[in-house]
Amino acid sequence: MGILIRGGRIVDAATDTDKKGDVYLEDGVITEIGEKLSVKDKNDRVIDAKGCLVMPGLIDLHVHSTFSDGTLTPTQLVEHAMENHLTAFALTDHDTVDGLGEAFQAAEDKPIKVISGIEFSTEYNGQDIHIVGLDFDWHDTSFCQELDHFRNARFERNRKMAEKLADCGFPITIEALQEMFGDAVLTRAHFARFLYEKGCIPSMNDAFFHYIGNDGPCFVPREKVTPAMAVHLIHKLDGIAVLAHPMQYHLSDSQLKELIRTLKPEGLNGIEAMYSRHSVSQENRVRRLAQVMGLAVSGGSDFHGSNIPGIDLGVGRGNLRIPDTTFENLRKHRDRQY
């Protein structure tokens, strides 16, 4: 018995009557050709024209380098992505695209694709909300100018946070942070590592738990930069805008829906369901939310190297798998808007 394919999916050849446009495969031979040369079976596995299973490529759409708060350079990320058998990854450093040039150069003539990316840190109702931008024109002059606004807001926030930590007795200043980390875009992870390296705290997690977490006494939210502003900027560059790690904000479904409603008119395309720290139930919850709100699903490890131990590029904590069709679907959602 061969394989009967209808509308891009395998159906039961024993019980279904042939219809116009069906593709019938028997012993790897096509006896009638429809429009599609590859199809999906009932488990969403891709079957080629010879009836063979095609394994999807694996990707990662949320990755950080030394240009923000990661510990691997863009070149090292390209090498590590190939070691982990990825076909593509997006470099999404915080509020900067400075590492993209190195990443694209390192990937030349290699079996790996680099996707332009960025992660904007924004403020919504007093809470940090992150927006990932993908596949945009990062050379755009107006974009680089607007990016300065985001960086200035981050610098002002970091200055205030350093002052609060100093008031708590810690030997920390913006100048000392810049001396230790050079030109990297400073994030709370840098504050934590600084305090840890200086012997002020027993672990980096301790900094977040006691001082600079969202509810900590030294936490300072981002000022003036909203999620809508970030999504609008990405949309202006024909990019893909994604709401990152939504379960990390501890919002109710109604609160998340309200946030999404404010972002969709600006061009929000997707929401990050496949994520290193999401449980199965959380991933399913985000997938349902995406379906209800008309968003595509995205996925990423949020890899930071040794700054966040136990999370690896492309695989998260070991069970993360992001098929390359994820990026294709995000692009289709974006293309429908233009």
C-alpha atoms as a PDB file:
ATOM      1  CA  MET A   1       0.000   0.000   0.000  1.00  0.00           C
ATOM      2  CA  GLY A   2       1.378   3.416  -0.963  1.00  0.00           C
ATOM      3  CA  ILE A   3       0.937   6.804   0.703  1.00  0.00           C
ATOM      4  CA  LEU A   4      -2.001   9.002  -0.264  1.00  0.00           C
ATOM      5  CA  ILE A   5      -1.450  12.713   0.337  1.00  0.00           C
ATOM      6  CA  ARG A   6      -4.210  15.290   0.296  1.00  0.00           C
ATOM      7  CA  GLY A   7      -3.944  19.000   1.124  1.00  0.00           C
ATOM      8  CA  GLY A   8      -0.380  18.523   2.283  1.00  0.00           C
ATOM      9  CA  ARG A   9      -1.153  15.723   4.753  1.00  0.00           C
ATOM     10  CA  ILE A  10      -1.131  11.947   4.679  1.00  0.00           C
ATOM     11  CA  VAL A  11      -4.545  10.295   4.689  1.00  0.00           C
ATOM     12  CA  ASP A  12      -5.647   6.677   4.797  1.00  0.00           C
ATOM     13  CA  ALA A  13      -5.195   5.314   1.281  1.00  0.00           C
ATOM     14  CA  ALA A  14      -7.219   2.220   2.165  1.00  0.00           C
ATOM     15  CA  THR A  15     -10.417   4.089   3.012  1.00  0.00           C
ATOM     16  CA  ASP A  16     -10.153   7.437   1.193  1.00  0.00           C
ATOM     17  CA  THR A  17     -11.213   7.849  -2.413  1.00  0.00           C
ATOM     18  CA  ASP A  18      -8.694   9.550  -4.719  1.00  0.00           C
ATOM     19  CA  LYS A  19      -9.442  13.192  -5.442  1.00  0.00           C
ATOM     20  CA  LYS A  20      -7.992  15.706  -7.862  1.00  0.00           C
ATOM     21  CA  GLY A  21      -4.677  17.088  -6.591  1.00  0.00           C
ATOM     22  CA  ASP A  22      -3.854  14.023  -4.472  1.00  0.00           C
ATOM     23  CA  VAL A  23      -0.264  12.802  -4.466  1.00  0.00           C
ATOM     24  CA  TYR A  24       0.160   9.035  -4.358  1.00  0.00           C
ATOM     25  CA  LEU A  25       3.514   7.591  -3.348  1.00  0.00           C
ATOM     26  CA  GLU A  26       4.296   3.898  -3.778  1.00  0.00           C
ATOM     27  CA  ASP A  27       7.782   2.489  -3.248  1.00  0.00           C
ATOM     28  CA  GLY A  28       9.155   6.018  -3.431  1.00  0.00           C
ATOM     29  CA  VAL A  29       7.581   6.706  -6.847  1.00  0.00           C
ATOM     30  CA  ILE A  30       5.124   9.557  -7.396  1.00  0.00           C
ATOM     31  CA  THR A  31       2.207   8.435  -9.562  1.00  0.00           C
ATOM     32  CA  GLU A  32       0.459  11.803  -9.511  1.00  0.00           C
ATOM     33  CA  ILE A  33       1.974  15.168  -8.632  1.00  0.00           C
ATOM     34  CA  GLY A  34       0.039  17.916  -6.889  1.00  0.00           C
ATOM     35  CA  GLU A  35       1.465  21.335  -6.009  1.00  0.00           C
ATOM     36  CA  LYS A  36       3.499  20.171  -2.999  1.00  0.00           C
ATOM     37  CA  LEU A  37       6.664  18.091  -3.185  1.00  0.00           C
ATOM     38  CA  SER A  38       6.925  17.816   0.592  1.00  0.00           C
ATOM     39  CA  VAL A  39       4.073  17.183   3.003  1.00  0.00           C
ATOM     40  CA  LYS A  40       3.318  16.669   6.684  1.00  0.00           C
ATOM     41  CA  ASP A  41       1.902  13.561   8.283  1.00  0.00           C
ATOM     42  CA  LYS A  42      -0.558  13.605  11.198  1.00  0.00           C
ATOM     43  CA  ASN A  43       2.345  14.155  13.656  1.00  0.00           C
ATOM     44  CA  ASP A  44       3.605  17.188  11.691  1.00  0.00           C
ATOM     45  CA  ARG A  45       6.619  15.262  10.427  1.00  0.00           C
ATOM     46  CA  VAL A  46       7.833  16.430   7.005  1.00  0.00           C
ATOM     47  CA  ILE A  47       7.732  13.776   4.266  1.00  0.00           C
ATOM     48  CA  ASP A  48       9.592  14.375   0.997  1.00  0.00           C
ATOM     49  CA  ALA A  49       8.468  13.380  -2.504  1.00  0.00           C
ATOM     50  CA  LYS A  50       9.968   9.924  -2.062  1.00  0.00           C
ATOM     51  CA  GLY A  51       8.040   9.317   1.125  1.00  0.00           C
ATOM     52  CA  CYS A  52      11.156   9.726   3.289  1.00  0.00           C
ATOM     53  CA  LEU A  53      11.118  11.454   6.675  1.00  0.00           C
ATOM     54  CA  VAL A  54      12.909  14.806   6.593  1.00  0.00           C
ATOM     55  CA  MET A  55      14.383  15.867   9.936  1.00  0.00           C
ATOM     56  CA  PRO A  56      13.854  19.584  10.681  1.00  0.00           C
ATOM     57  CA  GLY A  57      16.832  21.818  11.331  1.00  0.00           C
ATOM     58  CA  LEU A  58      17.144  23.122  14.886  1.00  0.00           C
ATOM     59  CA  ILE A  59      17.601  26.802  15.666  1.00  0.00           C
ATOM     60  CA  ASP A  60      17.801  29.245  18.588  1.00  0.00           C
ATOM     61  CA  LEU A  61      16.171  32.677  18.392  1.00  0.00           C
ATOM     62  CA  HIS A  62      17.362  34.132  21.717  1.00  0.00           C
ATOM     63  CA  VAL A  63      21.128  34.234  22.351  1.00  0.00           C
ATOM     64  CA  HIS A  64      23.529  36.657  24.077  1.00  0.00           C
ATOM     65  CA  SER A  65      27.227  37.392  23.574  1.00  0.00           C
ATOM     66  CA  THR A  66      29.974  39.360  25.308  1.00  0.00           C
ATOM     67  CA  PHE A  67      28.573  42.481  23.664  1.00  0.00           C
ATOM     68  CA  SER A  68      25.897  42.430  26.381  1.00  0.00           C
ATOM     69  CA  ASP A  69      25.742  39.940  29.264  1.00  0.00           C
ATOM     70  CA  GLY A  70      26.894  36.689  27.665  1.00  0.00           C
ATOM     71  CA  THR A  71      30.305  35.125  28.207  1.00  0.00           C
ATOM     72  CA  LEU A  72      31.003  33.859  24.657  1.00  0.00           C
ATOM     73  CA  THR A  73      32.077  36.128  21.830  1.00  0.00           C
ATOM     74  CA  PRO A  74      29.989  36.123  18.630  1.00  0.00           C
ATOM     75  CA  THR A  75      32.690  34.019  16.961  1.00  0.00           C
ATOM     76  CA  GLN A  76      32.588  31.493  19.797  1.00  0.00           C
ATOM     77  CA  LEU A  77      28.785  31.390  19.536  1.00  0.00           C
ATOM     78  CA  VAL A  78      29.024  30.452  15.854  1.00  0.00           C
ATOM     79  CA  GLU A  79      31.420  27.636  16.722  1.00  0.00           C
ATOM     80  CA  HIS A  80      29.277  26.444  19.640  1.00  0.00           C
ATOM     81  CA  ALA A  81      26.123  26.527  17.525  1.00  0.00           C
ATOM     82  CA  MET A  82      27.756  24.179  15.025  1.00  0.00           C
ATOM     83  CA  GLU A  83      28.942  21.930  17.863  1.00  0.00           C
ATOM     84  CA  ASN A  84      25.322  21.710  19.013  1.00  0.00           C
ATOM     85  CA  HIS A  85      24.193  20.916  15.441  1.00  0.00           C
ATOM     86  CA  LEU A  86      22.104  24.056  14.977  1.00  0.00           C
ATOM     87  CA  THR A  87      21.339  25.324  11.494  1.00  0.00           C
ATOM     88  CA  ALA A  88      20.751  28.934  12.590  1.00  0.00           C
ATOM     89  CA  PHE A  89      20.691  31.238  15.605  1.00  0.00           C
ATOM     90  CA  ALA A  90      19.766  34.856  16.302  1.00  0.00           C
ATOM     91  CA  LEU A  91      22.187  37.027  18.248  1.00  0.00           C
ATOM     92  CA  THR A  92      19.882  39.095  20.485  1.00  0.00           C
ATOM     93  CA  ASP A  93      22.111  41.164  22.743  1.00  0.00           C
ATOM     94  CA  HIS A  94      20.492  43.715  25.047  1.00  0.00           C
ATOM     95  CA  ASP A  95      19.906  47.088  23.361  1.00  0.00           C
ATOM     96  CA  THR A  96      22.831  46.646  20.959  1.00  0.00           C
ATOM     97  CA  VAL A  97      23.665  45.213  17.550  1.00  0.00           C
ATOM     98  CA  ASP A  98      27.401  45.750  17.927  1.00  0.00           C
ATOM     99  CA  GLY A  99      28.143  42.016  17.897  1.00  0.00           C
ATOM    100  CA  LEU A 100      26.290  41.222  14.679  1.00  0.00           C
ATOM    101  CA  GLY A 101      29.117  42.151  12.334  1.00  0.00           C
ATOM    102  CA  GLU A 102      31.488  39.704  13.999  1.00  0.00           C
ATOM    103  CA  ALA A 103      28.818  36.987  14.069  1.00  0.00           C
ATOM    104  CA  PHE A 104      27.992  37.299  10.362  1.00  0.00           C
ATOM    105  CA  GLN A 105      31.684  37.317   9.461  1.00  0.00           C
ATOM    106  CA  ALA A 106      32.373  34.227  11.594  1.00  0.00           C
ATOM    107  CA  ALA A 107      29.510  32.362   9.898  1.00  0.00           C
ATOM    108  CA  GLU A 108      30.704  33.027   6.343  1.00  0.00           C
ATOM    109  CA  ASP A 109      31.273  29.809   4.367  1.00  0.00           C
ATOM    110  CA  LYS A 110      30.046  27.758   7.330  1.00  0.00           C
ATOM    111  CA  PRO A 111      26.932  25.548   7.568  1.00  0.00           C
ATOM    112  CA  ILE A 112      25.241  27.929   9.997  1.00  0.00           C
ATOM    113  CA  LYS A 113      23.014  30.958   9.493  1.00  0.00           C
ATOM    114  CA  VAL A 114      23.130  34.038  11.711  1.00  0.00           C
ATOM    115  CA  ILE A 115      19.887  36.002  12.060  1.00  0.00           C
ATOM    116  CA  SER A 116      20.039  39.666  12.989  1.00  0.00           C
ATOM    117  CA  GLY A 117      18.544  40.229  16.412  1.00  0.00           C
ATOM    118  CA  ILE A 118      18.291  42.407  19.488  1.00  0.00           C
ATOM    119  CA  GLU A 119      16.545  42.267  22.867  1.00  0.00           C
ATOM    120  CA  PHE A 120      15.033  45.505  24.090  1.00  0.00           C
ATOM    121  CA  SER A 121      14.533  45.977  27.826  1.00  0.00           C
ATOM    122  CA  THR A 122      11.446  48.091  28.387  1.00  0.00           C
ATOM    123  CA  GLU A 123       9.129  49.187  31.189  1.00  0.00           C
ATOM    124  CA  TYR A 124       5.416  48.387  31.458  1.00  0.00           C
ATOM    125  CA  ASN A 125       3.436  49.270  34.580  1.00  0.00           C
ATOM    126  CA  GLY A 126       6.628  49.389  36.626  1.00  0.00           C
ATOM    127  CA  GLN A 127       7.891  46.009  35.396  1.00  0.00           C
ATOM    128  CA  ASP A 128      10.693  44.968  33.062  1.00  0.00           C
ATOM    129  CA  ILE A 129       9.308  43.586  29.777  1.00  0.00           C
ATOM    130  CA  HIS A 130      11.644  42.288  27.087  1.00  0.00           C
ATOM    131  CA  ILE A 131      10.980  42.518  23.343  1.00  0.00           C
ATOM    132  CA  VAL A 132      13.098  40.500  20.906  1.00  0.00           C
ATOM    133  CA  GLY A 133      13.608  41.861  17.393  1.00  0.00           C
ATOM    134  CA  LEU A 134      14.548  39.485  14.552  1.00  0.00           C
ATOM    135  CA  ASP A 135      15.482  39.686  10.870  1.00  0.00           C
ATOM    136  CA  PHE A 136      15.657  43.472  10.517  1.00  0.00           C
ATOM    137  CA  ASP A 137      17.941  45.959   8.777  1.00  0.00           C
ATOM    138  CA  TRP A 138      20.426  46.597  11.543  1.00  0.00           C
ATOM    139  CA  HIS A 139      22.463  48.998   9.370  1.00  0.00           C
ATOM    140  CA  ASP A 140      19.600  51.502   9.124  1.00  0.00           C
ATOM    141  CA  THR A 141      20.840  54.966  10.140  1.00  0.00           C
ATOM    142  CA  SER A 142      17.622  56.066  11.854  1.00  0.00           C
ATOM    143  CA  PHE A 143      17.568  52.801  13.808  1.00  0.00           C
ATOM    144  CA  CYS A 144      21.067  53.416  15.139  1.00  0.00           C
ATOM    145  CA  GLN A 145      20.014  56.893  16.249  1.00  0.00           C
ATOM    146  CA  GLU A 146      16.897  55.610  18.031  1.00  0.00           C
ATOM    147  CA  LEU A 147      18.961  52.864  19.623  1.00  0.00           C
ATOM    148  CA  ASP A 148      20.944  55.584  21.372  1.00  0.00           C
ATOM    149  CA  HIS A 149      17.728  56.554  23.181  1.00  0.00           C
ATOM    150  CA  PHE A 150      17.386  53.017  24.537  1.00  0.00           C
ATOM    151  CA  ARG A 151      21.032  52.968  25.601  1.00  0.00           C
ATOM    152  CA  ASN A 152      20.733  56.323  27.363  1.00  0.00           C
ATOM    153  CA  ALA A 153      17.702  55.077  29.289  1.00  0.00           C
ATOM    154  CA  ARG A 154      19.657  51.958  30.276  1.00  0.00           C
ATOM    155  CA  PHE A 155      22.654  54.051  31.399  1.00  0.00           C
ATOM    156  CA  GLU A 156      20.457  56.260  33.575  1.00  0.00           C
ATOM    157  CA  ARG A 157      18.822  53.206  35.125  1.00  0.00           C
ATOM    158  CA  ASN A 158      22.229  51.612  35.807  1.00  0.00           C
ATOM    159  CA  ARG A 159      23.531  54.798  37.402  1.00  0.00           C
ATOM    160  CA  LYS A 160      20.585  54.900  39.820  1.00  0.00           C
ATOM    161  CA  MET A 161      20.917  51.197  40.609  1.00  0.00           C
ATOM    162  CA  ALA A 162      24.635  51.590  41.366  1.00  0.00           C
ATOM    163  CA  GLU A 163      23.818  54.483  43.699  1.00  0.00           C
ATOM    164  CA  LYS A 164      21.239  52.390  45.564  1.00  0.00           C
ATOM    165  CA  LEU A 165      23.698  49.518  45.967  1.00  0.00           C
ATOM    166  CA  ALA A 166      26.349  51.956  47.189  1.00  0.00           C
ATOM    167  CA  ASP A 167      23.863  53.291  49.741  1.00  0.00           C
ATOM    168  CA  CYS A 168      23.538  49.687  50.984  1.00  0.00           C
ATOM    169  CA  GLY A 169      27.272  49.628  51.624  1.00  0.00           C
ATOM    170  CA  PHE A 170      28.554  47.919  48.468  1.00  0.00           C
ATOM    171  CA  PRO A 171      31.764  49.266  46.852  1.00  0.00           C
ATOM    172  CA  ILE A 172      30.211  49.840  43.421  1.00  0.00           C
ATOM    173  CA  THR A 173      30.096  52.705  40.929  1.00  0.00           C
ATOM    174  CA  ILE A 174      29.253  52.975  37.227  1.00  0.00           C
ATOM    175  CA  GLU A 175      32.924  53.731  36.569  1.00  0.00           C
ATOM    176  CA  ALA A 176      34.012  50.548  38.360  1.00  0.00           C
ATOM    177  CA  LEU A 177      31.509  48.485  36.352  1.00  0.00           C
ATOM    178  CA  GLN A 178      32.753  49.967  33.090  1.00  0.00           C
ATOM    179  CA  GLU A 179      36.346  49.303  34.095  1.00  0.00           C
ATOM    180  CA  MET A 180      35.579  45.634  34.746  1.00  0.00           C
ATOM    181  CA  PHE A 181      33.359  44.978  31.701  1.00  0.00           C
ATOM    182  CA  GLY A 182      34.668  47.403  29.092  1.00  0.00           C
ATOM    183  CA  ASP A 183      32.293  48.344  26.278  1.00  0.00           C
ATOM    184  CA  ALA A 184      29.651  45.681  27.045  1.00  0.00           C
ATOM    185  CA  VAL A 185      26.074  46.912  27.464  1.00  0.00           C
ATOM    186  CA  LEU A 186      25.655  46.724  31.228  1.00  0.00           C
ATOM    187  CA  THR A 187      22.783  44.622  32.571  1.00  0.00           C
ATOM    188  CA  ARG A 188      21.802  43.383  36.010  1.00  0.00           C
ATOM    189  CA  ALA A 189      23.900  40.278  35.332  1.00  0.00           C
ATOM    190  CA  HIS A 190      26.970  42.530  35.246  1.00  0.00           C
ATOM    191  CA  PHE A 191      25.985  44.048  38.599  1.00  0.00           C
ATOM    192  CA  ALA A 192      25.628  40.551  40.045  1.00  0.00           C
ATOM    193  CA  ARG A 193      28.964  39.364  38.675  1.00  0.00           C
ATOM    194  CA  PHE A 194      30.712  42.507  39.917  1.00  0.00           C
ATOM    195  CA  LEU A 195      29.432  41.994  43.458  1.00  0.00           C
ATOM    196  CA  TYR A 196      30.324  38.302  43.315  1.00  0.00           C
ATOM    197  CA  GLU A 197      33.849  38.918  41.967  1.00  0.00           C
ATOM    198  CA  LYS A 198      34.413  41.518  44.697  1.00  0.00           C
ATOM    199  CA  GLY A 199      33.441  38.968  47.345  1.00  0.00           C
ATOM    200  CA  CYS A 200      30.382  40.932  48.454  1.00  0.00           C
ATOM    201  CA  ILE A 201      27.875  38.093  47.926  1.00  0.00           C
ATOM    202  CA  PRO A 202      28.130  34.282  48.005  1.00  0.00           C
ATOM    203  CA  SER A 203      26.598  33.829  44.520  1.00  0.00           C
ATOM    204  CA  MET A 204      25.272  35.825  41.581  1.00  0.00           C
ATOM    205  CA  ASN A 205      21.776  34.588  42.359  1.00  0.00           C
ATOM    206  CA  ASP A 206      22.086  36.197  45.772  1.00  0.00           C
ATOM    207  CA  ALA A 207      22.282  39.622  44.116  1.00  0.00           C
ATOM    208  CA  PHE A 208      18.970  39.097  42.351  1.00  0.00           C
ATOM    209  CA  PHE A 209      17.252  37.457  45.323  1.00  0.00           C
ATOM    210  CA  HIS A 210      18.199  40.095  47.888  1.00  0.00           C
ATOM    211  CA  TYR A 211      18.973  43.311  45.989  1.00  0.00           C
ATOM    212  CA  ILE A 212      18.344  43.787  42.263  1.00  0.00           C
ATOM    213  CA  GLY A 213      15.489  41.398  41.467  1.00  0.00           C
ATOM    214  CA  ASN A 214      12.225  42.991  40.392  1.00  0.00           C
ATOM    215  CA  ASP A 215      11.109  43.221  44.029  1.00  0.00           C
ATOM    216  CA  GLY A 216      14.558  44.028  45.442  1.00  0.00           C
ATOM    217  CA  PRO A 217      15.340  47.252  47.320  1.00  0.00           C
ATOM    218  CA  CYS A 218      17.931  48.318  44.732  1.00  0.00           C
ATOM    219  CA  PHE A 219      15.903  47.517  41.630  1.00  0.00           C
ATOM    220  CA  VAL A 220      15.233  50.425  39.269  1.00  0.00           C
ATOM    221  CA  PRO A 221      12.765  49.977  36.378  1.00  0.00           C
ATOM    222  CA  ARG A 222      13.523  51.288  32.929  1.00  0.00           C
ATOM    223  CA  GLU A 223      12.241  54.796  32.350  1.00  0.00           C
ATOM    224  CA  LYS A 224      10.403  56.181  29.307  1.00  0.00           C
ATOM    225  CA  VAL A 225      11.103  53.159  27.047  1.00  0.00           C
ATOM    226  CA  THR A 226       7.903  51.145  26.598  1.00  0.00           C
ATOM    227  CA  PRO A 227       7.297  47.759  24.921  1.00  0.00           C
ATOM    228  CA  ALA A 228       5.168  49.534  22.305  1.00  0.00           C
ATOM    229  CA  MET A 229       8.105  51.795  21.411  1.00  0.00           C
ATOM    230  CA  ALA A 230      10.366  48.777  20.909  1.00  0.00           C
ATOM    231  CA  VAL A 231       7.815  46.897  18.790  1.00  0.00           C
ATOM    232  CA  HIS A 232       7.165  50.006  16.694  1.00  0.00           C
ATOM    233  CA  LEU A 233      10.899  50.471  16.049  1.00  0.00           C
ATOM    234  CA  ILE A 234      11.337  46.839  14.971  1.00  0.00           C
ATOM    235  CA  HIS A 235       8.261  47.071  12.731  1.00  0.00           C
ATOM    236  CA  LYS A 236       9.634  50.210  11.037  1.00  0.00           C
ATOM    237  CA  LEU A 237      12.657  48.149   9.974  1.00  0.00           C
ATOM    238  CA  ASP A 238      10.465  45.379   8.486  1.00  0.00           C
ATOM    239  CA  GLY A 239      11.598  43.154  11.353  1.00  0.00           C
ATOM    240  CA  ILE A 240       9.884  40.536  13.487  1.00  0.00           C
ATOM    241  CA  ALA A 241       8.829  41.603  16.997  1.00  0.00           C
ATOM    242  CA  VAL A 242       8.473  38.944  19.702  1.00  0.00           C
ATOM    243  CA  LEU A 243       7.338  39.176  23.317  1.00  0.00           C
ATOM    244  CA  ALA A 244      10.126  37.375  25.177  1.00  0.00           C
ATOM    245  CA  HIS A 245       9.693  34.803  27.986  1.00  0.00           C
ATOM    246  CA  PRO A 246       6.148  35.865  28.975  1.00  0.00           C
ATOM    247  CA  MET A 247       5.919  33.479  31.934  1.00  0.00           C
ATOM    248  CA  GLN A 248       8.812  35.272  33.638  1.00  0.00           C
ATOM    249  CA  TYR A 249       6.619  38.316  34.253  1.00  0.00           C
ATOM    250  CA  HIS A 250       4.133  36.419  36.468  1.00  0.00           C
ATOM    251  CA  LEU A 251       1.165  38.079  34.783  1.00  0.00           C
ATOM    252  CA  SER A 252      -2.287  36.550  34.604  1.00  0.00           C
ATOM    253  CA  ASP A 253      -3.753  35.548  31.251  1.00  0.00           C
ATOM    254  CA  SER A 254      -5.938  38.648  31.274  1.00  0.00           C
ATOM    255  CA  GLN A 255      -2.926  40.870  32.014  1.00  0.00           C
ATOM    256  CA  LEU A 256      -0.876  39.218  29.252  1.00  0.00           C
ATOM    257  CA  LYS A 257      -3.756  39.645  26.812  1.00  0.00           C
ATOM    258  CA  GLU A 258      -4.006  43.320  27.716  1.00  0.00           C
ATOM    259  CA  LEU A 259      -0.256  43.748  27.135  1.00  0.00           C
ATOM    260  CA  ILE A 260      -0.514  41.990  23.762  1.00  0.00           C
ATOM    261  CA  ARG A 261      -3.485  44.154  22.775  1.00  0.00           C
ATOM    262  CA  THR A 262      -1.340  47.257  23.308  1.00  0.00           C
ATOM    263  CA  LEU A 263       1.478  45.794  21.186  1.00  0.00           C
ATOM    264  CA  LYS A 264      -0.360  44.275  18.226  1.00  0.00           C
ATOM    265  CA  PRO A 265      -1.262  47.642  16.642  1.00  0.00           C
ATOM    266  CA  GLU A 266       2.481  48.470  16.688  1.00  0.00           C
ATOM    267  CA  GLY A 267       3.341  45.250  14.837  1.00  0.00           C
ATOM    268  CA  LEU A 268       3.867  42.465  17.391  1.00  0.00           C
ATOM    269  CA  ASN A 269       4.347  39.192  15.493  1.00  0.00           C
ATOM    270  CA  GLY A 270       5.101  36.482  18.018  1.00  0.00           C
ATOM    271  CA  ILE A 271       5.420  35.289  21.574  1.00  0.00           C
ATOM    272  CA  GLU A 272       8.177  33.100  23.016  1.00  0.00           C
ATOM    273  CA  ALA A 273       6.624  29.750  23.957  1.00  0.00           C
ATOM    274  CA  MET A 274       9.628  27.432  23.627  1.00  0.00           C
ATOM    275  CA  TYR A 275      11.961  28.688  26.344  1.00  0.00           C
ATOM    276  CA  SER A 276      14.577  27.145  28.627  1.00  0.00           C
ATOM    277  CA  ARG A 277      12.747  27.945  31.853  1.00  0.00           C
ATOM    278  CA  HIS A 278       9.228  27.124  30.691  1.00  0.00           C
ATOM    279  CA  SER A 279       7.623  23.952  31.973  1.00  0.00           C
ATOM    280  CA  VAL A 280       5.522  21.879  29.583  1.00  0.00           C
ATOM    281  CA  SER A 281       2.341  23.372  31.041  1.00  0.00           C
ATOM    282  CA  GLN A 282       3.726  26.901  30.693  1.00  0.00           C
ATOM    283  CA  GLU A 283       4.715  26.299  27.074  1.00  0.00           C
ATOM    284  CA  ASN A 284       1.250  24.947  26.330  1.00  0.00           C
ATOM    285  CA  ARG A 285      -0.311  27.951  28.055  1.00  0.00           C
ATOM    286  CA  VAL A 286       1.702  30.334  25.866  1.00  0.00           C
ATOM    287  CA  ARG A 287       0.861  28.358  22.732  1.00  0.00           C
ATOM    288  CA  ARG A 288      -2.846  28.631  23.527  1.00  0.00           C
ATOM    289  CA  LEU A 289      -2.437  32.349  24.161  1.00  0.00           C
ATOM    290  CA  ALA A 290      -0.659  32.776  20.818  1.00  0.00           C
ATOM    291  CA  GLN A 291      -3.498  31.027  19.028  1.00  0.00           C
ATOM    292  CA  VAL A 292      -6.167  33.106  20.726  1.00  0.00           C
ATOM    293  CA  MET A 293      -4.330  36.392  20.116  1.00  0.00           C
ATOM    294  CA  GLY A 294      -3.309  35.622  16.526  1.00  0.00           C
ATOM    295  CA  LEU A 295       0.447  35.474  17.123  1.00  0.00           C
ATOM    296  CA  ALA A 296       3.135  33.167  15.816  1.00  0.00           C
ATOM    297  CA  VAL A 297       5.152  31.093  18.282  1.00  0.00           C
ATOM    298  CA  SER A 298       8.855  31.774  18.824  1.00  0.00           C
ATOM    299  CA  GLY A 299      11.524  29.990  20.829  1.00  0.00           C
ATOM    300  CA  GLY A 300      14.950  30.541  22.320  1.00  0.00           C
ATOM    301  CA  SER A 301      17.308  29.304  24.992  1.00  0.00           C
ATOM    302  CA  ASP A 302      18.250  32.778  26.324  1.00  0.00           C
ATOM    303  CA  PHE A 303      21.809  31.460  26.380  1.00  0.00           C
ATOM    304  CA  HIS A 304      24.269  33.601  28.373  1.00  0.00           C
ATOM    305  CA  GLY A 305      27.192  31.201  28.722  1.00  0.00           C
ATOM    306  CA  SER A 306      28.541  30.803  32.248  1.00  0.00           C
ATOM    307  CA  ASN A 307      26.530  33.796  33.487  1.00  0.00           C
ATOM    308  CA  ILE A 308      23.478  31.494  33.625  1.00  0.00           C
ATOM    309  CA  PRO A 309      24.784  27.975  34.321  1.00  0.00           C
ATOM    310  CA  GLY A 310      22.795  24.949  33.186  1.00  0.00           C
ATOM    311  CA  ILE A 311      21.360  26.550  30.037  1.00  0.00           C
ATOM    312  CA  ASP A 312      23.056  25.632  26.761  1.00  0.00           C
ATOM    313  CA  LEU A 313      22.768  27.075  23.295  1.00  0.00           C
ATOM    314  CA  GLY A 314      19.887  25.564  21.345  1.00  0.00           C
ATOM    315  CA  VAL A 315      18.951  22.971  23.972  1.00  0.00           C
ATOM    316  CA  GLY A 316      18.313  25.018  27.113  1.00  0.00           C
ATOM    317  CA  ARG A 317      18.315  22.658  30.063  1.00  0.00           C
ATOM    318  CA  GLY A 318      18.508  19.659  27.739  1.00  0.00           C
ATOM    319  CA  ASN A 319      14.951  19.287  26.492  1.00  0.00           C
ATOM    320  CA  LEU A 320      14.568  22.391  24.312  1.00  0.00           C
ATOM    321  CA  ARG A 321      14.079  21.789  20.585  1.00  0.00           C
ATOM    322  CA  ILE A 322      13.191  24.681  18.263  1.00  0.00           C
ATOM    323  CA  PRO A 323      12.540  23.575  14.660  1.00  0.00           C
ATOM    324  CA  ASP A 324      13.564  25.846  11.802  1.00  0.00           C
ATOM    325  CA  THR A 325       9.917  26.088  10.780  1.00  0.00           C
ATOM    326  CA  THR A 326       9.487  28.366  13.817  1.00  0.00           C
ATOM    327  CA  PHE A 327      11.424  31.125  12.072  1.00  0.00           C
ATOM    328  CA  GLU A 328       9.638  30.448   8.789  1.00  0.00           C
ATOM    329  CA  ASN A 329       6.267  30.888  10.500  1.00  0.00           C
ATOM    330  CA  LEU A 330       7.393  34.124  12.155  1.00  0.00           C
ATOM    331  CA  ARG A 331       8.469  35.482   8.772  1.00  0.00           C
ATOM    332  CA  LYS A 332       5.136  34.526   7.228  1.00  0.00           C
ATOM    333  CA  HIS A 333       3.306  36.352  10.021  1.00  0.00           C
ATOM    334  CA  ARG A 334       5.505  39.408   9.453  1.00  0.00           C
ATOM    335  CA  ASP A 335       5.066  39.306   5.677  1.00  0.00           C
ATOM    336  CA  ARG A 336       1.268  39.316   6.025  1.00  0.00           C
ATOM    337  CA  GLN A 337       1.511  42.682   7.789  1.00  0.00           C
ATOM    338  CA  TYR A 338       3.333  44.414   4.923  1.00  0.00           C
END
